[in-house]
Amino acid sequence: MQGLLVLLNAHKGSEDVALLADDLDLEIDEILPSLDFASVLGLVKVADGRATFTELGRKYISSSIRDRKAVLREQLKKTTLFKTLLRALDNAPDHQLTDEQLTQLVSVTPATADESVQNIVNWGRYAELIRYDADQHLMVAVRRASGLAKSTPGNRPPPPASPQAPGAPTSTGRKAGASPTDPVEHAAPLFDSVPA
């Protein structure tokens, strides 16, 4: 999604979806999940085959990384999936969920559980809503105090890996915007619309 938004910005904030796909050397159906996700988060509007930044999208793309994370954090918290996830973490002992509990939580989504869990972990970590302990297979709630992220007691997993530059090849040879590990590649079915 990040690379797509940067490209849309290079096109002055509005462009035909087919031209965006062509610029990314992708098929249209390969960028639709990213466009859907950006739309759900209120960053773009897609109408008549054209993607256009919303006011929030313009703010997002012109912001620092820290401010982008804050925008994503607030928009993710408005989705039903993340509301449910954060509520479950708040009610869980030690504010942690196992992989199995997380899989059960997202089992009602049309995406496969493995893809769903990976997308949730990736986007939640990027937006600093959660931390993931891969050794213990635990998702841990992040508490924010005085604007700083603080993990709940216990092991603190490493921070998320740096996002790849748009268009950079991944280990699979695909561009970063189309990588199967990109949090948005299969994420669109996981989220509902963000209320206006």
N, C-alpha and C. Protein backbone atom coordinates (compact mmCIF):
# COMPACT_ATOMS: atom_id res chain seq x y z
N MET A 1 0.83 -1.18 0.00
CA MET A 1 0.00 0.00 0.00
C MET A 1 0.88 1.25 0.00
N GLN A 2 1.94 1.21 0.76
CA GLN A 2 2.83 2.38 0.88
C GLN A 2 3.34 2.81 -0.51
N GLY A 3 3.86 1.86 -1.27
CA GLY A 3 4.40 2.17 -2.59
C GLY A 3 3.33 2.72 -3.52
N LEU A 4 2.15 2.17 -3.43
CA LEU A 4 1.04 2.64 -4.26
C LEU A 4 0.67 4.08 -3.92
N LEU A 5 0.66 4.42 -2.64
CA LEU A 5 0.34 5.79 -2.23
C LEU A 5 1.42 6.77 -2.66
N VAL A 6 2.68 6.35 -2.59
CA VAL A 6 3.78 7.20 -3.05
C VAL A 6 3.64 7.44 -4.56
N LEU A 7 3.30 6.38 -5.30
CA LEU A 7 3.11 6.52 -6.74
C LEU A 7 1.93 7.43 -7.05
N LEU A 8 0.83 7.27 -6.32
CA LEU A 8 -0.33 8.13 -6.52
C LEU A 8 0.04 9.59 -6.26
N ASN A 9 0.86 9.83 -5.27
CA ASN A 9 1.32 11.18 -4.97
C ASN A 9 2.16 11.73 -6.14
N ALA A 10 2.97 10.88 -6.74
CA ALA A 10 3.77 11.31 -7.90
C ALA A 10 2.88 11.66 -9.08
N HIS A 11 1.67 11.13 -9.10
CA HIS A 11 0.69 11.44 -10.15
C HIS A 11 -0.24 12.58 -9.70
N LYS A 12 0.23 13.40 -8.81
CA LYS A 12 -0.50 14.57 -8.32
C LYS A 12 -1.78 14.22 -7.56
N GLY A 13 -1.81 13.00 -6.98
CA GLY A 13 -2.92 12.64 -6.09
C GLY A 13 -4.14 12.04 -6.75
N SER A 14 -4.12 11.87 -8.07
CA SER A 14 -5.26 11.28 -8.76
C SER A 14 -4.78 10.66 -10.06
N GLU A 15 -5.18 9.38 -10.29
CA GLU A 15 -4.75 8.70 -11.52
C GLU A 15 -5.65 7.52 -11.80
N ASP A 16 -5.70 7.14 -13.06
CA ASP A 16 -6.41 5.95 -13.50
C ASP A 16 -5.75 4.72 -12.88
N VAL A 17 -6.56 3.81 -12.35
CA VAL A 17 -6.06 2.63 -11.68
C VAL A 17 -5.21 1.78 -12.63
N ALA A 18 -5.62 1.67 -13.89
CA ALA A 18 -4.86 0.88 -14.87
C ALA A 18 -3.47 1.46 -15.08
N LEU A 19 -3.34 2.78 -15.11
CA LEU A 19 -2.03 3.40 -15.27
C LEU A 19 -1.16 3.19 -14.04
N LEU A 20 -1.76 3.22 -12.85
CA LEU A 20 -1.00 2.94 -11.63
C LEU A 20 -0.46 1.51 -11.67
N ALA A 21 -1.31 0.57 -12.05
CA ALA A 21 -0.88 -0.83 -12.14
C ALA A 21 0.24 -0.96 -13.15
N ASP A 22 0.10 -0.31 -14.29
CA ASP A 22 1.13 -0.37 -15.33
C ASP A 22 2.45 0.20 -14.82
N ASP A 23 2.40 1.32 -14.11
CA ASP A 23 3.62 1.92 -13.55
C ASP A 23 4.31 0.99 -12.56
N LEU A 24 3.55 0.14 -11.89
CA LEU A 24 4.10 -0.81 -10.92
C LEU A 24 4.44 -2.15 -11.57
N ASP A 25 4.25 -2.26 -12.89
CA ASP A 25 4.46 -3.52 -13.61
C ASP A 25 3.63 -4.65 -13.00
N LEU A 26 2.38 -4.33 -12.64
CA LEU A 26 1.46 -5.29 -12.06
C LEU A 26 0.16 -5.30 -12.84
N GLU A 27 -0.59 -6.35 -12.66
CA GLU A 27 -1.94 -6.40 -13.22
C GLU A 27 -2.85 -5.61 -12.29
N ILE A 28 -3.96 -5.12 -12.83
CA ILE A 28 -4.90 -4.33 -12.02
C ILE A 28 -5.35 -5.12 -10.80
N ASP A 29 -5.67 -6.41 -10.99
CA ASP A 29 -6.17 -7.19 -9.85
C ASP A 29 -5.12 -7.38 -8.76
N GLU A 30 -3.85 -7.15 -9.08
CA GLU A 30 -2.79 -7.26 -8.07
C GLU A 30 -2.71 -6.01 -7.19
N ILE A 31 -3.20 -4.87 -7.67
CA ILE A 31 -3.15 -3.66 -6.84
C ILE A 31 -4.49 -3.39 -6.16
N LEU A 32 -5.54 -4.09 -6.57
CA LEU A 32 -6.85 -3.84 -5.97
C LEU A 32 -6.89 -4.06 -4.46
N PRO A 33 -6.25 -5.12 -3.91
CA PRO A 33 -6.27 -5.24 -2.45
C PRO A 33 -5.66 -4.02 -1.74
N SER A 34 -4.59 -3.48 -2.30
CA SER A 34 -3.97 -2.29 -1.70
C SER A 34 -4.89 -1.08 -1.81
N LEU A 35 -5.51 -0.93 -2.97
CA LEU A 35 -6.46 0.18 -3.15
C LEU A 35 -7.66 0.03 -2.22
N ASP A 36 -8.18 -1.19 -2.11
CA ASP A 36 -9.30 -1.44 -1.21
C ASP A 36 -8.93 -1.10 0.23
N PHE A 37 -7.75 -1.52 0.64
CA PHE A 37 -7.30 -1.27 2.00
C PHE A 37 -7.13 0.23 2.25
N ALA A 38 -6.50 0.92 1.30
CA ALA A 38 -6.32 2.37 1.43
C ALA A 38 -7.67 3.08 1.48
N SER A 39 -8.63 2.55 0.72
CA SER A 39 -9.98 3.12 0.73
C SER A 39 -10.67 2.88 2.06
N VAL A 40 -10.56 1.67 2.60
CA VAL A 40 -11.15 1.34 3.90
C VAL A 40 -10.58 2.26 4.99
N LEU A 41 -9.31 2.57 4.88
CA LEU A 41 -8.68 3.43 5.88
C LEU A 41 -8.95 4.91 5.63
N GLY A 42 -9.67 5.21 4.57
CA GLY A 42 -10.04 6.60 4.29
C GLY A 42 -8.94 7.42 3.66
N LEU A 43 -7.95 6.76 3.04
CA LEU A 43 -6.83 7.48 2.45
C LEU A 43 -7.06 7.80 0.97
N VAL A 44 -7.82 6.97 0.28
CA VAL A 44 -8.14 7.21 -1.13
C VAL A 44 -9.61 6.92 -1.39
N LYS A 45 -10.10 7.48 -2.47
CA LYS A 45 -11.42 7.13 -3.00
C LYS A 45 -11.19 6.61 -4.40
N VAL A 46 -11.91 5.55 -4.74
CA VAL A 46 -11.83 5.00 -6.08
C VAL A 46 -13.21 5.11 -6.70
N ALA A 47 -13.29 5.82 -7.83
CA ALA A 47 -14.57 5.99 -8.53
C ALA A 47 -14.28 6.02 -10.03
N ASP A 48 -15.08 5.30 -10.77
CA ASP A 48 -14.97 5.26 -12.23
C ASP A 48 -13.56 4.91 -12.69
N GLY A 49 -12.93 3.97 -11.98
CA GLY A 49 -11.60 3.50 -12.38
C GLY A 49 -10.48 4.45 -12.06
N ARG A 50 -10.74 5.45 -11.24
CA ARG A 50 -9.74 6.45 -10.89
C ARG A 50 -9.54 6.50 -9.38
N ALA A 51 -8.29 6.46 -8.94
CA ALA A 51 -7.94 6.57 -7.52
C ALA A 51 -7.54 8.01 -7.23
N THR A 52 -8.09 8.56 -6.15
CA THR A 52 -7.82 9.95 -5.78
C THR A 52 -7.63 10.02 -4.26
N PHE A 53 -6.63 10.77 -3.84
CA PHE A 53 -6.41 10.97 -2.41
C PHE A 53 -7.60 11.68 -1.77
N THR A 54 -7.93 11.28 -0.55
CA THR A 54 -8.83 12.05 0.29
C THR A 54 -7.98 13.09 1.01
N GLU A 55 -8.63 13.96 1.76
CA GLU A 55 -7.87 14.94 2.55
C GLU A 55 -6.94 14.22 3.53
N LEU A 56 -7.45 13.16 4.17
CA LEU A 56 -6.62 12.38 5.10
C LEU A 56 -5.46 11.72 4.36
N GLY A 57 -5.70 11.25 3.15
CA GLY A 57 -4.64 10.64 2.35
C GLY A 57 -3.54 11.62 2.01
N ARG A 58 -3.93 12.85 1.69
CA ARG A 58 -2.93 13.90 1.41
C ARG A 58 -2.11 14.21 2.68
N LYS A 59 -2.81 14.26 3.81
CA LYS A 59 -2.11 14.50 5.08
C LYS A 59 -1.14 13.36 5.36
N TYR A 60 -1.60 12.12 5.16
CA TYR A 60 -0.79 10.93 5.41
C TYR A 60 0.48 10.94 4.57
N ILE A 61 0.35 11.14 3.27
CA ILE A 61 1.49 11.03 2.37
C ILE A 61 2.50 12.15 2.58
N SER A 62 2.06 13.28 3.09
CA SER A 62 2.98 14.40 3.32
C SER A 62 3.56 14.41 4.73
N SER A 63 3.20 13.41 5.54
CA SER A 63 3.64 13.36 6.94
C SER A 63 4.95 12.59 7.10
N SER A 64 5.54 12.77 8.28
CA SER A 64 6.71 11.99 8.65
C SER A 64 6.28 10.55 8.92
N ILE A 65 7.22 9.65 9.01
CA ILE A 65 6.90 8.24 9.28
C ILE A 65 6.15 8.12 10.60
N ARG A 66 6.58 8.83 11.61
CA ARG A 66 5.91 8.78 12.92
C ARG A 66 4.45 9.24 12.81
N ASP A 67 4.23 10.31 12.07
CA ASP A 67 2.86 10.81 11.90
C ASP A 67 2.02 9.87 11.03
N ARG A 68 2.66 9.23 10.04
CA ARG A 68 1.94 8.24 9.23
C ARG A 68 1.47 7.08 10.10
N LYS A 69 2.35 6.63 10.98
CA LYS A 69 1.97 5.54 11.89
C LYS A 69 0.80 5.95 12.77
N ALA A 70 0.81 7.19 13.22
CA ALA A 70 -0.29 7.68 14.06
C ALA A 70 -1.61 7.68 13.29
N VAL A 71 -1.56 8.11 12.03
CA VAL A 71 -2.77 8.10 11.19
C VAL A 71 -3.25 6.67 11.02
N LEU A 72 -2.35 5.76 10.64
CA LEU A 72 -2.73 4.36 10.47
C LEU A 72 -3.29 3.76 11.75
N ARG A 73 -2.65 4.07 12.85
CA ARG A 73 -3.09 3.55 14.16
C ARG A 73 -4.54 3.96 14.42
N GLU A 74 -4.84 5.23 14.22
CA GLU A 74 -6.19 5.72 14.48
C GLU A 74 -7.20 5.14 13.50
N GLN A 75 -6.82 5.01 12.23
CA GLN A 75 -7.74 4.46 11.24
C GLN A 75 -7.95 2.96 11.46
N LEU A 76 -6.90 2.21 11.77
CA LEU A 76 -7.04 0.78 12.05
C LEU A 76 -7.95 0.54 13.25
N LYS A 77 -7.82 1.39 14.26
CA LYS A 77 -8.64 1.22 15.47
C LYS A 77 -10.13 1.43 15.20
N LYS A 78 -10.47 2.01 14.06
CA LYS A 78 -11.87 2.23 13.70
C LYS A 78 -12.47 1.04 12.97
N THR A 79 -11.64 0.11 12.50
CA THR A 79 -12.16 -1.06 11.79
C THR A 79 -12.70 -2.07 12.79
N THR A 80 -13.70 -2.81 12.37
CA THR A 80 -14.30 -3.82 13.25
C THR A 80 -13.26 -4.85 13.68
N LEU A 81 -12.41 -5.27 12.75
CA LEU A 81 -11.42 -6.29 13.07
C LEU A 81 -10.47 -5.82 14.18
N PHE A 82 -9.92 -4.63 14.04
CA PHE A 82 -8.99 -4.17 15.06
C PHE A 82 -9.70 -3.78 16.36
N LYS A 83 -10.93 -3.29 16.28
CA LYS A 83 -11.69 -3.05 17.51
C LYS A 83 -11.84 -4.35 18.28
N THR A 84 -12.19 -5.42 17.55
CA THR A 84 -12.37 -6.73 18.17
C THR A 84 -11.05 -7.24 18.74
N LEU A 85 -9.99 -7.11 17.96
CA LEU A 85 -8.67 -7.56 18.40
C LEU A 85 -8.21 -6.82 19.65
N LEU A 86 -8.33 -5.51 19.65
CA LEU A 86 -7.87 -4.72 20.79
C LEU A 86 -8.72 -4.98 22.03
N ARG A 87 -10.03 -5.19 21.83
CA ARG A 87 -10.91 -5.54 22.95
C ARG A 87 -10.49 -6.89 23.53
N ALA A 88 -10.19 -7.85 22.66
CA ALA A 88 -9.76 -9.18 23.12
C ALA A 88 -8.44 -9.08 23.87
N LEU A 89 -7.51 -8.27 23.38
CA LEU A 89 -6.24 -8.09 24.08
C LEU A 89 -6.45 -7.42 25.44
N ASP A 90 -7.33 -6.43 25.50
CA ASP A 90 -7.61 -5.75 26.77
C ASP A 90 -8.19 -6.71 27.80
N ASN A 91 -9.02 -7.66 27.34
CA ASN A 91 -9.68 -8.59 28.25
C ASN A 91 -8.87 -9.85 28.53
N ALA A 92 -7.81 -10.09 27.78
CA ALA A 92 -7.01 -11.30 27.94
C ALA A 92 -6.07 -11.18 29.14
N PRO A 93 -5.79 -12.31 29.79
CA PRO A 93 -4.81 -12.30 30.89
C PRO A 93 -3.47 -11.79 30.36
N ASP A 94 -2.85 -10.91 31.07
CA ASP A 94 -1.57 -10.31 30.69
C ASP A 94 -1.63 -9.57 29.35
N HIS A 95 -2.85 -9.30 28.86
CA HIS A 95 -3.03 -8.57 27.60
C HIS A 95 -2.28 -9.23 26.45
N GLN A 96 -2.37 -10.56 26.38
CA GLN A 96 -1.70 -11.34 25.35
C GLN A 96 -2.67 -12.33 24.72
N LEU A 97 -2.45 -12.62 23.43
CA LEU A 97 -3.22 -13.66 22.73
C LEU A 97 -2.24 -14.60 22.06
N THR A 98 -2.54 -15.89 22.12
CA THR A 98 -1.72 -16.87 21.41
C THR A 98 -2.11 -16.87 19.94
N ASP A 99 -1.27 -17.50 19.13
CA ASP A 99 -1.60 -17.64 17.70
C ASP A 99 -2.95 -18.33 17.53
N GLU A 100 -3.21 -19.36 18.32
CA GLU A 100 -4.47 -20.10 18.22
C GLU A 100 -5.66 -19.19 18.55
N GLN A 101 -5.53 -18.38 19.60
CA GLN A 101 -6.62 -17.47 19.96
C GLN A 101 -6.85 -16.43 18.86
N LEU A 102 -5.77 -15.93 18.28
CA LEU A 102 -5.88 -14.96 17.20
C LEU A 102 -6.54 -15.59 15.98
N THR A 103 -6.14 -16.81 15.66
CA THR A 103 -6.75 -17.52 14.52
C THR A 103 -8.24 -17.70 14.74
N GLN A 104 -8.65 -18.05 15.95
CA GLN A 104 -10.07 -18.19 16.26
C GLN A 104 -10.78 -16.85 16.10
N LEU A 105 -10.14 -15.80 16.49
CA LEU A 105 -10.73 -14.47 16.41
C LEU A 105 -11.01 -14.05 14.96
N VAL A 106 -10.13 -14.42 14.05
CA VAL A 106 -10.31 -14.01 12.66
C VAL A 106 -10.91 -15.11 11.79
N SER A 107 -11.34 -16.19 12.40
CA SER A 107 -11.83 -17.33 11.63
C SER A 107 -13.08 -17.01 10.81
N VAL A 108 -13.76 -15.93 11.11
CA VAL A 108 -14.96 -15.58 10.37
C VAL A 108 -14.67 -14.78 9.10
N THR A 109 -13.40 -14.46 8.85
CA THR A 109 -13.04 -13.70 7.65
C THR A 109 -12.88 -14.64 6.47
N PRO A 110 -13.06 -14.14 5.23
CA PRO A 110 -12.94 -15.00 4.06
C PRO A 110 -11.49 -15.36 3.71
N ALA A 111 -10.50 -14.66 4.22
CA ALA A 111 -9.11 -14.98 3.93
C ALA A 111 -8.69 -16.19 4.76
N THR A 112 -7.65 -16.89 4.30
CA THR A 112 -7.18 -18.03 5.07
C THR A 112 -6.59 -17.55 6.38
N ALA A 113 -6.67 -18.37 7.40
CA ALA A 113 -6.25 -17.97 8.73
C ALA A 113 -4.78 -17.56 8.77
N ASP A 114 -3.89 -18.31 8.10
CA ASP A 114 -2.47 -17.96 8.13
C ASP A 114 -2.22 -16.58 7.54
N GLU A 115 -2.87 -16.29 6.41
CA GLU A 115 -2.72 -14.97 5.79
C GLU A 115 -3.31 -13.90 6.69
N SER A 116 -4.45 -14.17 7.28
CA SER A 116 -5.11 -13.19 8.15
C SER A 116 -4.23 -12.84 9.33
N VAL A 117 -3.73 -13.86 9.99
CA VAL A 117 -2.90 -13.63 11.17
C VAL A 117 -1.65 -12.84 10.79
N GLN A 118 -1.01 -13.22 9.70
CA GLN A 118 0.20 -12.51 9.29
C GLN A 118 -0.09 -11.06 8.95
N ASN A 119 -1.19 -10.78 8.27
CA ASN A 119 -1.56 -9.40 7.94
C ASN A 119 -1.84 -8.59 9.19
N ILE A 120 -2.57 -9.18 10.13
CA ILE A 120 -2.88 -8.47 11.38
C ILE A 120 -1.60 -8.15 12.13
N VAL A 121 -0.73 -9.14 12.24
CA VAL A 121 0.53 -8.92 12.95
C VAL A 121 1.34 -7.83 12.27
N ASN A 122 1.46 -7.89 10.94
CA ASN A 122 2.26 -6.89 10.22
C ASN A 122 1.72 -5.48 10.38
N TRP A 123 0.41 -5.30 10.12
CA TRP A 123 -0.15 -3.95 10.21
C TRP A 123 -0.22 -3.45 11.65
N GLY A 124 -0.58 -4.33 12.55
CA GLY A 124 -0.63 -3.93 13.96
C GLY A 124 0.73 -3.53 14.50
N ARG A 125 1.76 -4.26 14.09
CA ARG A 125 3.12 -3.91 14.52
C ARG A 125 3.57 -2.60 13.89
N TYR A 126 3.32 -2.44 12.60
CA TYR A 126 3.73 -1.22 11.93
C TYR A 126 3.07 0.00 12.57
N ALA A 127 1.81 -0.12 12.89
CA ALA A 127 1.08 1.02 13.49
C ALA A 127 1.31 1.12 15.00
N GLU A 128 2.13 0.22 15.54
CA GLU A 128 2.48 0.21 16.96
C GLU A 128 1.27 0.02 17.86
N LEU A 129 0.30 -0.78 17.38
CA LEU A 129 -0.85 -1.17 18.21
C LEU A 129 -0.54 -2.43 18.99
N ILE A 130 0.31 -3.29 18.41
CA ILE A 130 0.66 -4.56 19.04
C ILE A 130 2.14 -4.84 18.85
N ARG A 131 2.63 -5.79 19.62
CA ARG A 131 3.95 -6.37 19.43
C ARG A 131 3.73 -7.86 19.31
N TYR A 132 4.63 -8.53 18.61
CA TYR A 132 4.49 -9.97 18.43
C TYR A 132 5.77 -10.66 18.88
N ASP A 133 5.64 -11.61 19.78
CA ASP A 133 6.76 -12.40 20.26
C ASP A 133 6.77 -13.70 19.47
N ALA A 134 7.64 -13.79 18.47
CA ALA A 134 7.67 -14.96 17.59
C ALA A 134 8.15 -16.20 18.33
N ASP A 135 9.02 -16.04 19.33
CA ASP A 135 9.50 -17.20 20.08
C ASP A 135 8.38 -17.85 20.88
N GLN A 136 7.55 -17.04 21.49
CA GLN A 136 6.46 -17.57 22.31
C GLN A 136 5.13 -17.61 21.56
N HIS A 137 5.11 -17.12 20.34
CA HIS A 137 3.89 -17.07 19.52
C HIS A 137 2.77 -16.34 20.26
N LEU A 138 3.10 -15.13 20.74
CA LEU A 138 2.14 -14.31 21.47
C LEU A 138 2.03 -12.93 20.86
N MET A 139 0.81 -12.46 20.76
CA MET A 139 0.55 -11.08 20.39
C MET A 139 0.35 -10.33 21.71
N VAL A 140 1.02 -9.20 21.83
CA VAL A 140 1.01 -8.44 23.08
C VAL A 140 0.49 -7.03 22.80
N ALA A 141 -0.42 -6.57 23.63
CA ALA A 141 -0.96 -5.22 23.47
C ALA A 141 0.13 -4.19 23.77
N VAL A 142 0.10 -3.09 23.04
CA VAL A 142 1.00 -1.97 23.28
C VAL A 142 0.20 -0.91 24.01
N ARG A 143 0.71 -0.46 25.10
CA ARG A 143 0.07 0.61 25.87
C ARG A 143 0.78 1.91 25.54
N ARG A 144 0.02 2.96 25.36
CA ARG A 144 0.59 4.26 25.03
C ARG A 144 0.41 5.17 26.23
N ALA A 145 1.51 5.71 26.70
CA ALA A 145 1.47 6.65 27.82
C ALA A 145 2.34 7.85 27.45
N SER A 146 1.82 9.03 27.59
CA SER A 146 2.54 10.26 27.27
C SER A 146 3.10 10.24 25.85
N GLY A 147 2.33 9.63 24.93
CA GLY A 147 2.75 9.63 23.54
C GLY A 147 3.80 8.59 23.21
N LEU A 148 4.29 7.83 24.19
CA LEU A 148 5.31 6.82 23.93
C LEU A 148 4.69 5.45 24.00
N ALA A 149 5.13 4.55 23.13
CA ALA A 149 4.62 3.19 23.14
C ALA A 149 5.30 2.42 24.26
N LYS A 150 4.53 1.69 25.03
CA LYS A 150 5.07 0.85 26.09
C LYS A 150 4.41 -0.50 26.01
N SER A 151 5.21 -1.55 26.02
CA SER A 151 4.66 -2.90 26.00
C SER A 151 4.20 -3.27 27.39
N THR A 152 3.29 -4.24 27.43
CA THR A 152 2.90 -4.78 28.71
C THR A 152 4.06 -5.58 29.26
N PRO A 153 4.06 -5.90 30.57
CA PRO A 153 5.18 -6.65 31.14
C PRO A 153 5.41 -7.95 30.39
N GLY A 154 6.64 -8.40 30.42
CA GLY A 154 6.99 -9.66 29.75
C GLY A 154 8.02 -9.41 28.68
N ASN A 155 8.30 -10.43 27.92
CA ASN A 155 9.29 -10.30 26.86
C ASN A 155 8.85 -9.29 25.83
N ARG A 156 9.79 -8.49 25.42
CA ARG A 156 9.50 -7.49 24.39
C ARG A 156 10.13 -7.94 23.09
N PRO A 157 9.32 -8.26 22.09
CA PRO A 157 9.87 -8.71 20.82
C PRO A 157 10.56 -7.57 20.08
N PRO A 158 11.36 -7.91 19.09
CA PRO A 158 12.06 -6.87 18.35
C PRO A 158 11.07 -6.02 17.55
N PRO A 159 11.47 -4.78 17.23
CA PRO A 159 10.59 -3.92 16.43
C PRO A 159 10.42 -4.51 15.05
N PRO A 160 9.36 -4.09 14.33
CA PRO A 160 9.14 -4.63 12.99
C PRO A 160 10.27 -4.28 12.06
N ALA A 161 10.48 -5.12 11.07
CA ALA A 161 11.51 -4.86 10.08
C ALA A 161 11.14 -3.61 9.28
N SER A 162 12.15 -2.94 8.79
CA SER A 162 11.91 -1.74 7.99
C SER A 162 11.17 -2.12 6.73
N PRO A 163 10.15 -1.33 6.35
CA PRO A 163 9.45 -1.61 5.10
C PRO A 163 10.40 -1.46 3.92
N GLN A 164 10.22 -2.28 2.88
CA GLN A 164 11.06 -2.19 1.71
C GLN A 164 10.67 -0.98 0.88
N ALA A 165 11.63 -0.48 0.15
CA ALA A 165 11.37 0.64 -0.75
C ALA A 165 10.41 0.19 -1.84
N PRO A 166 9.50 1.07 -2.27
CA PRO A 166 8.58 0.69 -3.34
C PRO A 166 9.35 0.23 -4.57
N GLY A 167 8.93 -0.90 -5.13
CA GLY A 167 9.54 -1.41 -6.34
C GLY A 167 10.79 -2.24 -6.11
N ALA A 168 11.31 -2.30 -4.87
CA ALA A 168 12.50 -3.10 -4.60
C ALA A 168 12.14 -4.57 -4.66
N PRO A 169 13.00 -5.42 -5.24
CA PRO A 169 12.66 -6.83 -5.32
C PRO A 169 12.67 -7.47 -3.94
N THR A 170 11.77 -8.40 -3.75
CA THR A 170 11.70 -9.15 -2.50
C THR A 170 12.40 -10.47 -2.69
N SER A 171 12.44 -11.29 -1.65
CA SER A 171 13.09 -12.59 -1.75
C SER A 171 12.40 -13.48 -2.77
N THR A 172 11.15 -13.19 -3.09
CA THR A 172 10.44 -13.98 -4.10
C THR A 172 10.62 -13.41 -5.49
N GLY A 173 11.31 -12.28 -5.61
CA GLY A 173 11.52 -11.67 -6.90
C GLY A 173 10.43 -10.71 -7.30
N ARG A 174 9.34 -10.62 -6.53
CA ARG A 174 8.26 -9.69 -6.85
C ARG A 174 8.61 -8.33 -6.29
N LYS A 175 7.99 -7.30 -6.82
CA LYS A 175 8.22 -5.97 -6.29
C LYS A 175 7.66 -5.86 -4.90
N ALA A 176 8.24 -4.97 -4.09
CA ALA A 176 7.82 -4.84 -2.69
C ALA A 176 6.34 -4.58 -2.56
N GLY A 177 5.75 -3.80 -3.43
CA GLY A 177 4.32 -3.51 -3.37
C GLY A 177 3.45 -4.72 -3.59
N ALA A 178 4.02 -5.81 -4.13
CA ALA A 178 3.22 -6.99 -4.44
C ALA A 178 3.66 -8.22 -3.67
N SER A 179 4.53 -8.05 -2.70
CA SER A 179 5.04 -9.18 -1.94
C SER A 179 3.94 -9.87 -1.14
N PRO A 180 3.95 -11.21 -1.10
CA PRO A 180 2.93 -11.91 -0.30
C PRO A 180 3.04 -11.58 1.18
N THR A 181 4.18 -11.07 1.64
CA THR A 181 4.29 -10.72 3.05
C THR A 181 3.90 -9.27 3.32
N ASP A 182 3.60 -8.52 2.27
CA ASP A 182 3.10 -7.15 2.45
C ASP A 182 1.81 -7.23 3.24
N PRO A 183 1.70 -6.46 4.31
CA PRO A 183 0.50 -6.56 5.15
C PRO A 183 -0.79 -6.35 4.40
N VAL A 184 -0.74 -5.80 3.22
CA VAL A 184 -1.97 -5.49 2.52
C VAL A 184 -2.29 -6.47 1.40
N GLU A 185 -1.36 -7.32 1.03
CA GLU A 185 -1.56 -8.19 -0.13
C GLU A 185 -2.88 -8.94 -0.07
N HIS A 186 -3.24 -9.50 1.05
CA HIS A 186 -4.50 -10.24 1.16
C HIS A 186 -5.36 -9.66 2.27
N ALA A 187 -5.14 -8.41 2.63
CA ALA A 187 -5.80 -7.86 3.81
C ALA A 187 -7.18 -7.30 3.54
N ALA A 188 -7.49 -6.94 2.34
CA ALA A 188 -8.75 -6.25 2.08
C ALA A 188 -9.96 -6.97 2.68
N PRO A 189 -10.09 -8.31 2.58
CA PRO A 189 -11.28 -8.94 3.15
C PRO A 189 -11.34 -8.89 4.67
N LEU A 190 -10.24 -8.53 5.30
CA LEU A 190 -10.18 -8.53 6.76
C LEU A 190 -10.81 -7.30 7.38
N PHE A 191 -10.99 -6.26 6.62
CA PHE A 191 -11.39 -4.99 7.19
C PHE A 191 -12.72 -4.54 6.63
N ASP A 192 -13.48 -3.86 7.45
CA ASP A 192 -14.70 -3.25 6.94
C ASP A 192 -14.44 -1.76 6.83
N SER A 193 -15.40 -1.04 6.41
CA SER A 193 -15.22 0.39 6.21
C SER A 193 -15.02 1.13 7.52
N VAL A 194 -14.20 2.16 7.44
CA VAL A 194 -13.99 3.05 8.57
C VAL A 194 -15.11 4.05 8.58
N PRO A 195 -15.80 4.22 9.70
CA PRO A 195 -16.90 5.20 9.73
C PRO A 195 -16.38 6.60 9.42
N ALA A 196 -17.18 7.36 8.73
CA ALA A 196 -16.78 8.73 8.36
C ALA A 196 -16.83 9.65 9.55
